[in-house]
Structure formats: structure tokens, C-alpha cells
Amino acid sequence: VPDLVTKQLPAWEPVFKRYSNELYCLAVVPKDDPVKARVVVQSFLDLYAYERGWEVLKSAQDECKQFIASLNAMWFANPTIEDISSLLNNRRFVVLEGPPGTGKSRVAEQILRDKYGGNGLITQFHPSTTYEDFVAGLSPDVTNENLRFSARRGHLMEAAAKAQTQSALLVVDEVNRADLGRVLGEAIYLFEAESGAPRSVRLPHAIDGDQAFTLPSQLHVLATMNTADRSVARMDLAIRRRFAFVTMMPDRQVVQANSTPTGVTLFDALCDVFLEFAPDDALALLPGHSYFIVPNQDEAILRTRLRHELLPLVDDYLREGYLGPATAALHAVRNQIADAAQSSHDIA
């Protein structure tokens, strides 16, 4: 039983101790509100029937689908722009992590634009990103007739320069695709949100005659990290502790507002597979809502997205066996997606 539940229901402690390994779900029926009590009991029985695989009466199918969809939506409580901005103000260095297609990069760009007035910059890490790219390094001086190298600022130093007189945000997209230990070098010492006095490091090369580098307190860093990418190493614990982490998961409300009935149905089907059958760590792979978003609820565009974006991703999951015991269930949903996308080749 999750700690969150046990803390909310301290009077149930004896029950949790005795039946914690057997409890699948529980419901507290309010004694002073008959209307709410009826909803709780009905929902509990609906869930029991759903888990048992009982066939739903035709007259109640729409209500049942709505109930299951509301359960799926409740699993993931995504942070707001205000939540993330507040965390940046308190912790300075934040990572948005989550499955592909959950809007991490879009949110980071929106925060830079709306909360920092565009004061900052965006960079994207990749396996070839180096210390010289991010912090400082030498580059050929093309303005001189003789071949010579000059020290130049990397993205971190450029962002720091923007934060001398006002708050600035450095957005680092796909932060885990680079070797962070090598990219940060001695500059990792500067990433301490609560260090008291400003920290300073000595750079290998002097920039404008000065080898000392200090991160301004008004510089914030917002990074994004794709948790589904198994081809990259996990973030080093020494680096990880210097950042606050915010998890962004697929949002059903976004799908419902920006997709078609087919898109909503397929999204719910994928959620069912990952929530009901897959191991807990597989939630990091659940395809995000952006795979289902289409302008003007255009079914033709949805079919194209399903065929060329979502279907290849699901096929990768199946090929690599990422979902373990849920493979058969995912394969069934994969066939649903393929059926919905089969006419996409007619779409330009």
C-alpha cells in the first residue's frame, strides 16, 4: 500500500499491516453524504467489474468508458507552468523528465518566453557535445591573418552574461544525451542552489583576461530529459543531486481537447496496457499526448501521425521487449493503431 494512502488513512493501520499484500484497491464510503457514498460504492463496483472482465451492458457502455477514462486521467497530475517557475525560483536548477511526447521542450520554451521575457538561450545536447561547447574552449580566430586560437564562451558562459542585471534562463534540451561529467567538468561545482556565498571555478583558459568564472544567482537552468531513451546512460548521482526533478506524464485532458474520438480511444488503450499489465518502470515509456494532437480534429492528419510516428515507436518497444509481461497486450493495441492508420498512405 503506498505511503500516500497510509498517511491519509491512519485509522486503517491495522488493516494495512495485516492485508497490505492482498489489498488491490480500497474505497472510503462517506457516512454523512448519501450522494457521495452512492458514487463511491458504484465506482468501486464498476472497477471490480472492469478488473474481472465482466461484459458491460450496452446501455451502460458509454458511462463505463467515461469512468475508466477518468481513472486513467487521475493517475498523472502534471505540474503547471507556475509550479515549475516557482521551483526554478527556489532551486534554480531543474530537470523536466518524462516519456517522449509529453511536451517537455514546449513547456521549457514557454517558460523562457513568458516568465523570463525571452532573456536566455536554448541549446540541445547530443553525444558529441563537449566541455568546449558548453562551458568554454579554444576556437580558430578567423579574423587574424595568422593561424591562432582564441578562448571563447560556451553556452553556459553566454547565459551567465545575460543574467548579470536580470533573471535569465538557460534551456538544455535532451540533457542526458551527452556525457555530463565531461561536458560540465569543474563547472559542476557551481551548480549548488543553496551554497550561500557565490561559488567560483578557475577555467583552463582566460576569457577577456579572467580565468575565474562565477554563476550569477539570477541564472536559472531548465533541462529536459527523455526517460524512454535506453541508449543513454543514467545521470550520475553526484550531478543528479544538484538538480530538482519534475516528472511530466501524458495528459488525457490534452488529448481529449485536441484529438479525435479515435485518438482518445487509442490513448486510453495504451494507458490501460501500461497501467494494468506493464512493470512499474515501464511507465517511463508511455507515449505522450503529442502523438495524438491534431489540428481541427482532422482524422486524416491523425492517421498520418499514427502511421509515421506512434506506430514505429510502439514497434521499437515490441522489438526490444521493453514491456516484458505486457508484450502481448501491447501487441494487441499495436494492431488497433495499425488498423486506425492503414489508410494514412493516402494522406499527403
Protein backbone atom coordinates (compact mmCIF):
# COMPACT_ATOMS: atom_id res chain seq x y z
CA VAL A 1 0.00 0.00 0.00
CA PRO A 2 1.53 3.37 -0.99
CA ASP A 3 2.69 5.65 1.85
CA LEU A 4 0.42 8.37 0.48
CA VAL A 5 -2.61 6.20 1.25
CA THR A 6 -1.48 5.06 4.69
CA LYS A 7 -0.82 8.66 5.76
CA GLN A 8 -4.29 9.74 4.68
CA LEU A 9 -5.96 6.84 6.49
CA PRO A 10 -4.14 6.38 9.82
CA ALA A 11 -7.18 4.67 11.38
CA TRP A 12 -6.77 1.84 8.87
CA GLU A 13 -3.25 1.00 10.02
CA PRO A 14 -4.20 -2.44 11.46
CA VAL A 15 -5.86 -3.35 8.16
CA PHE A 16 -2.83 -2.26 6.15
CA LYS A 17 -0.46 -4.24 8.36
CA ARG A 18 -2.49 -7.41 8.04
CA TYR A 19 -3.66 -7.24 4.42
CA SER A 20 -1.13 -4.97 2.67
CA ASN A 21 -0.04 -7.78 0.34
CA GLU A 22 -3.62 -8.66 -0.60
CA LEU A 23 -5.23 -5.22 -0.98
CA TYR A 24 -5.70 -4.25 -4.61
CA CYS A 25 -7.84 -1.18 -4.06
CA LEU A 26 -9.96 0.35 -1.33
CA ALA A 27 -12.66 2.98 -1.01
CA VAL A 28 -13.74 5.07 1.94
CA VAL A 29 -17.53 5.49 1.95
CA PRO A 30 -18.58 8.84 3.47
CA LYS A 31 -21.22 8.33 6.17
CA ASP A 32 -22.59 11.87 6.17
CA ASP A 33 -23.25 12.27 2.43
CA PRO A 34 -25.53 9.67 0.80
CA VAL A 35 -24.97 11.08 -2.70
CA LYS A 36 -21.17 10.80 -2.47
CA ALA A 37 -21.50 7.42 -0.77
CA ARG A 38 -23.51 6.12 -3.72
CA VAL A 39 -20.90 7.40 -6.20
CA VAL A 40 -18.07 5.77 -4.24
CA VAL A 41 -19.81 2.39 -3.98
CA GLN A 42 -20.87 2.46 -7.63
CA SER A 43 -17.36 3.38 -8.76
CA PHE A 44 -15.85 0.64 -6.61
CA LEU A 45 -18.20 -1.95 -8.12
CA ASP A 46 -17.56 -0.62 -11.63
CA LEU A 47 -13.83 -1.02 -11.10
CA TYR A 48 -14.31 -4.54 -9.74
CA ALA A 49 -16.40 -5.50 -12.78
CA TYR A 50 -13.82 -3.99 -15.12
CA GLU A 51 -10.94 -5.85 -13.48
CA ARG A 52 -12.91 -9.09 -13.65
CA GLY A 53 -13.54 -8.56 -17.34
CA TRP A 54 -17.30 -8.65 -16.99
CA GLU A 55 -19.22 -7.61 -20.08
CA VAL A 56 -20.83 -4.19 -19.74
CA LEU A 57 -24.48 -3.77 -20.62
CA LYS A 58 -24.90 -1.91 -23.90
CA SER A 59 -26.89 0.84 -22.19
CA ALA A 60 -24.01 1.50 -19.77
CA GLN A 61 -21.03 1.23 -22.13
CA ASP A 62 -20.56 4.99 -22.60
CA GLU A 63 -20.72 5.58 -18.85
CA CYS A 64 -18.23 2.77 -18.24
CA LYS A 65 -15.77 4.17 -20.80
CA GLN A 66 -16.03 7.60 -19.20
CA PHE A 67 -15.37 6.12 -15.76
CA ILE A 68 -12.27 4.19 -16.86
CA ALA A 69 -11.00 7.25 -18.72
CA SER A 70 -11.40 9.39 -15.61
CA LEU A 71 -9.40 6.82 -13.63
CA ASN A 72 -6.59 6.94 -16.19
CA ALA A 73 -6.60 10.74 -16.08
CA MET A 74 -6.26 10.73 -12.28
CA TRP A 75 -3.06 8.67 -12.39
CA PHE A 76 -0.95 11.54 -13.65
CA ALA A 77 -1.11 15.00 -12.07
CA ASN A 78 1.12 17.14 -14.27
CA PRO A 79 2.72 20.34 -12.94
CA THR A 80 1.61 23.74 -14.18
CA ILE A 81 3.82 26.44 -15.65
CA GLU A 82 3.50 28.27 -12.33
CA ASP A 83 4.64 25.17 -10.40
CA ILE A 84 7.79 24.84 -12.49
CA SER A 85 8.53 28.58 -12.39
CA SER A 86 8.22 28.59 -8.61
CA LEU A 87 10.59 25.64 -8.36
CA LEU A 88 13.11 27.42 -10.58
CA ASN A 89 12.99 30.45 -8.30
CA ASN A 90 13.64 28.26 -5.26
CA ARG A 91 16.06 25.66 -6.64
CA ARG A 92 17.50 27.39 -9.74
CA PHE A 93 18.43 24.13 -11.49
CA VAL A 94 15.53 21.94 -12.63
CA VAL A 95 15.10 18.93 -14.93
CA LEU A 96 11.82 18.09 -16.66
CA GLU A 97 11.80 14.33 -17.16
CA GLY A 98 9.23 12.06 -18.73
CA PRO A 99 8.26 9.85 -21.68
CA PRO A 100 8.51 11.09 -25.26
CA GLY A 101 5.79 13.43 -26.44
CA THR A 102 4.77 14.90 -23.08
CA GLY A 103 5.59 18.49 -24.01
CA LYS A 104 8.79 18.96 -22.01
CA SER A 105 10.57 21.07 -24.63
CA ARG A 106 7.44 23.08 -25.37
CA VAL A 107 6.97 23.89 -21.68
CA ALA A 108 10.63 24.91 -21.32
CA GLU A 109 10.34 27.24 -24.31
CA GLN A 110 7.10 28.71 -22.95
CA ILE A 111 8.69 29.41 -19.55
CA LEU A 112 11.66 31.13 -21.22
CA ARG A 113 9.30 33.27 -23.26
CA ASP A 114 6.61 34.07 -20.68
CA LYS A 115 8.49 34.10 -17.36
CA TYR A 116 11.89 35.43 -18.45
CA GLY A 117 10.82 37.68 -21.31
CA GLY A 118 12.96 35.63 -23.68
CA ASN A 119 16.14 36.55 -21.78
CA GLY A 120 18.29 33.45 -22.08
CA LEU A 121 19.10 30.85 -24.67
CA ILE A 122 18.33 27.29 -25.74
CA THR A 123 20.83 24.57 -26.51
CA GLN A 124 20.43 20.87 -27.23
CA PHE A 125 22.84 18.23 -26.02
CA HIS A 126 23.92 15.26 -28.15
CA PRO A 127 26.62 12.59 -27.84
CA SER A 128 29.21 14.90 -29.43
CA THR A 129 28.58 17.85 -27.08
CA THR A 130 31.82 18.83 -25.31
CA TYR A 131 33.06 20.99 -22.45
CA GLU A 132 34.26 23.48 -25.04
CA ASP A 133 30.72 23.76 -26.44
CA PHE A 134 29.02 24.24 -23.09
CA VAL A 135 31.48 26.00 -20.76
CA ALA A 136 34.50 27.46 -22.57
CA GLY A 137 37.16 26.46 -25.07
CA LEU A 138 39.51 27.44 -27.85
CA SER A 139 38.40 28.12 -31.42
CA PRO A 140 40.20 29.32 -34.58
CA ASP A 141 40.41 33.10 -34.86
CA VAL A 142 39.34 33.74 -38.46
CA THR A 143 39.87 37.50 -38.17
CA ASN A 144 43.64 37.13 -37.93
CA GLU A 145 45.88 36.50 -40.94
CA ASN A 146 47.98 34.06 -38.95
CA LEU A 147 46.58 30.80 -37.64
CA ARG A 148 45.80 31.28 -33.96
CA PHE A 149 43.25 30.15 -31.43
CA SER A 150 41.24 32.34 -29.10
CA ALA A 151 39.30 31.45 -25.97
CA ARG A 152 35.54 31.66 -26.45
CA ARG A 153 32.50 31.37 -24.22
CA GLY A 154 30.31 28.29 -24.28
CA HIS A 155 26.54 28.27 -23.83
CA LEU A 156 26.78 28.37 -20.02
CA MET A 157 29.00 31.45 -20.00
CA GLU A 158 26.83 33.16 -22.63
CA ALA A 159 23.75 32.57 -20.49
CA ALA A 160 25.60 33.81 -17.40
CA ALA A 161 26.40 37.06 -19.22
CA LYS A 162 22.67 37.58 -19.84
CA ALA A 163 21.97 37.17 -16.11
CA GLN A 164 24.21 39.95 -14.80
CA THR A 165 21.42 42.51 -14.45
CA GLN A 166 18.20 40.46 -14.73
CA SER A 167 16.97 36.89 -14.44
CA ALA A 168 17.90 34.65 -17.35
CA LEU A 169 17.07 31.05 -18.25
CA LEU A 170 19.32 28.53 -19.95
CA VAL A 171 17.27 25.71 -21.50
CA VAL A 172 19.19 22.48 -22.11
CA ASP A 173 17.18 20.09 -24.26
CA GLU A 174 17.90 16.32 -24.11
CA VAL A 175 20.40 16.84 -21.28
CA ASN A 176 21.03 13.11 -20.78
CA ARG A 177 22.22 12.52 -24.35
CA ALA A 178 25.64 13.96 -23.54
CA ASP A 179 28.33 12.72 -21.16
CA LEU A 180 27.52 15.23 -18.41
CA GLY A 181 30.67 14.57 -16.41
CA ARG A 182 32.84 15.60 -19.35
CA VAL A 183 30.58 18.40 -20.55
CA LEU A 184 30.38 20.11 -17.15
CA GLY A 185 33.93 19.47 -15.96
CA GLU A 186 34.85 21.61 -12.95
CA ALA A 187 31.75 23.76 -13.59
CA ILE A 188 29.61 21.16 -11.79
CA TYR A 189 30.90 22.79 -8.59
CA LEU A 190 28.87 25.89 -9.50
CA PHE A 191 25.57 24.02 -9.61
CA GLU A 192 24.65 24.37 -5.96
CA ALA A 193 21.34 26.14 -5.37
CA GLU A 194 21.86 26.69 -1.64
CA SER A 195 25.60 27.24 -1.39
CA GLY A 196 25.40 30.58 0.42
CA ALA A 197 28.24 32.68 -0.95
CA PRO A 198 28.64 32.56 -4.76
CA ARG A 199 30.95 29.78 -5.91
CA SER A 200 33.73 30.31 -8.40
CA VAL A 201 35.92 28.00 -10.52
CA ARG A 202 39.13 28.56 -12.47
CA LEU A 203 38.76 27.94 -16.20
CA PRO A 204 41.52 26.34 -18.33
CA HIS A 205 41.64 29.47 -20.49
CA ALA A 206 41.16 33.14 -19.64
CA ILE A 207 38.07 34.80 -21.09
CA ASP A 208 38.55 38.55 -21.52
CA GLY A 209 41.65 38.28 -19.35
CA ASP A 210 39.93 36.47 -16.46
CA GLN A 211 40.10 32.75 -15.69
CA ALA A 212 37.62 32.93 -12.79
CA PHE A 213 34.00 32.06 -13.55
CA THR A 214 31.00 32.50 -11.24
CA LEU A 215 27.37 31.66 -11.94
CA PRO A 216 25.14 34.69 -11.26
CA SER A 217 22.37 33.97 -8.76
CA GLN A 218 19.87 35.23 -11.35
CA LEU A 219 20.78 32.47 -13.82
CA HIS A 220 18.42 29.51 -13.79
CA VAL A 221 18.85 26.28 -15.76
CA LEU A 222 15.92 24.22 -17.04
CA ALA A 223 16.83 20.91 -18.68
CA THR A 224 14.69 18.24 -20.34
CA MET A 225 15.28 14.50 -20.20
CA ASN A 226 13.59 11.70 -22.14
CA THR A 227 13.10 8.78 -19.75
CA ALA A 228 12.31 6.35 -22.59
CA ASP A 229 15.75 6.58 -24.18
CA ARG A 230 17.51 3.38 -23.13
CA SER A 231 20.53 4.14 -25.34
CA VAL A 232 21.94 6.75 -22.95
CA ALA A 233 23.46 6.32 -19.51
CA ARG A 234 21.58 7.34 -16.39
CA MET A 235 22.55 10.67 -14.85
CA ASP A 236 25.45 10.46 -12.40
CA LEU A 237 24.22 10.68 -8.80
CA ALA A 238 26.69 13.44 -7.95
CA ILE A 239 25.21 15.51 -10.78
CA ARG A 240 21.64 14.43 -10.15
CA ARG A 241 21.57 15.69 -6.57
CA ARG A 242 22.28 19.23 -7.78
CA PHE A 243 19.02 19.40 -9.73
CA ALA A 244 15.37 19.29 -8.76
CA PHE A 245 13.32 16.91 -10.90
CA VAL A 246 9.79 17.33 -12.23
CA THR A 247 8.04 14.41 -13.91
CA MET A 248 5.79 15.14 -16.86
CA MET A 249 3.42 12.38 -17.93
CA PRO A 250 0.85 12.03 -20.73
CA ASP A 251 -2.19 14.25 -20.19
CA ARG A 252 -5.56 12.82 -21.20
CA GLN A 253 -7.26 16.19 -20.97
CA VAL A 254 -4.93 17.50 -23.68
CA VAL A 255 -5.78 14.52 -25.89
CA GLN A 256 -9.49 14.93 -25.29
CA ALA A 257 -9.36 18.62 -26.20
CA ASN A 258 -7.05 18.34 -29.22
CA SER A 259 -7.63 14.95 -30.84
CA THR A 260 -10.40 12.90 -32.42
CA PRO A 261 -12.55 10.17 -30.83
CA THR A 262 -10.22 7.63 -32.45
CA GLY A 263 -7.19 9.32 -30.90
CA VAL A 264 -8.79 9.35 -27.44
CA THR A 265 -9.71 5.66 -27.74
CA LEU A 266 -6.17 4.66 -28.73
CA PHE A 267 -4.65 6.81 -25.99
CA ASP A 268 -6.87 5.12 -23.39
CA ALA A 269 -5.97 1.69 -24.77
CA LEU A 270 -2.25 2.42 -24.41
CA CYS A 271 -2.76 3.73 -20.88
CA ASP A 272 -4.61 0.53 -19.95
CA VAL A 273 -1.68 -1.60 -21.15
CA PHE A 274 0.94 0.38 -19.25
CA LEU A 275 -1.10 0.76 -16.06
CA GLU A 276 -2.61 -2.72 -15.89
CA PHE A 277 -0.01 -5.09 -17.31
CA ALA A 278 3.41 -3.47 -17.60
CA PRO A 279 6.06 -3.29 -14.84
CA ASP A 280 6.14 -0.02 -12.89
CA ASP A 281 9.35 1.18 -14.54
CA ALA A 282 7.67 0.85 -17.95
CA LEU A 283 5.59 3.97 -17.23
CA ALA A 284 8.67 5.92 -18.34
CA LEU A 285 7.93 4.61 -21.85
CA LEU A 286 4.23 5.52 -22.12
CA PRO A 287 3.85 7.57 -25.35
CA GLY A 288 2.84 11.14 -24.62
CA HIS A 289 -0.17 13.16 -25.67
CA SER A 290 1.63 14.92 -28.53
CA TYR A 291 1.36 11.76 -30.64
CA PHE A 292 -2.41 12.22 -30.67
CA ILE A 293 -2.74 16.01 -31.07
CA VAL A 294 -4.07 17.10 -34.46
CA PRO A 295 -5.39 20.49 -35.64
CA ASN A 296 -9.15 20.83 -36.03
CA GLN A 297 -9.66 17.18 -35.03
CA ASP A 298 -8.54 16.14 -38.50
CA GLU A 299 -8.79 12.33 -38.82
CA ALA A 300 -6.56 12.32 -41.91
CA ILE A 301 -3.70 14.04 -40.07
CA LEU A 302 -4.20 11.71 -37.11
CA ARG A 303 -3.84 8.65 -39.37
CA THR A 304 -0.60 10.07 -40.74
CA ARG A 305 0.77 10.67 -37.23
CA LEU A 306 -0.23 7.20 -36.10
CA ARG A 307 1.43 5.55 -39.07
CA HIS A 308 4.67 7.51 -39.17
CA GLU A 309 5.22 8.50 -35.53
CA LEU A 310 3.37 6.36 -32.99
CA LEU A 311 3.44 3.00 -34.77
CA PRO A 312 7.25 3.00 -35.26
CA LEU A 313 7.71 3.84 -31.57
CA VAL A 314 5.45 1.00 -30.42
CA ASP A 315 7.19 -1.38 -32.83
CA ASP A 316 10.53 -0.41 -31.26
CA TYR A 317 9.16 -1.22 -27.81
CA LEU A 318 7.95 -4.62 -29.02
CA ARG A 319 11.20 -5.39 -30.83
CA GLU A 320 13.28 -4.60 -27.75
CA GLY A 321 10.90 -6.37 -25.34
CA TYR A 322 10.72 -3.32 -23.07
CA LEU A 323 7.31 -4.17 -21.61
CA GLY A 324 8.09 -7.73 -20.53
CA PRO A 325 4.85 -9.45 -19.41
CA ALA A 326 2.76 -6.76 -21.11
CA THR A 327 4.14 -7.53 -24.58
CA ALA A 328 1.06 -9.46 -25.72
CA ALA A 329 -1.30 -6.72 -24.53
CA LEU A 330 0.81 -4.04 -26.24
CA HIS A 331 0.84 -6.07 -29.46
CA ALA A 332 -2.96 -6.11 -29.43
CA VAL A 333 -3.07 -2.31 -29.09
CA ARG A 334 -0.39 -2.04 -31.78
CA ASN A 335 -2.78 -3.81 -34.14
CA GLN A 336 -5.52 -1.33 -33.19
CA ILE A 337 -3.19 1.54 -34.05
CA ALA A 338 -2.26 -0.10 -37.36
CA ASP A 339 -5.93 -0.58 -38.26
CA ALA A 340 -6.66 3.07 -37.49
CA ALA A 341 -3.66 4.21 -39.55
CA GLN A 342 -3.96 1.85 -42.51
CA SER A 343 -5.31 4.49 -44.91
CA SER A 344 -2.67 7.07 -43.98
CA HIS A 345 -0.74 6.44 -47.21
CA ASP A 346 -3.49 8.37 -48.99
CA ILE A 347 -2.63 11.47 -46.96
CA ALA A 348 -0.08 13.90 -48.32
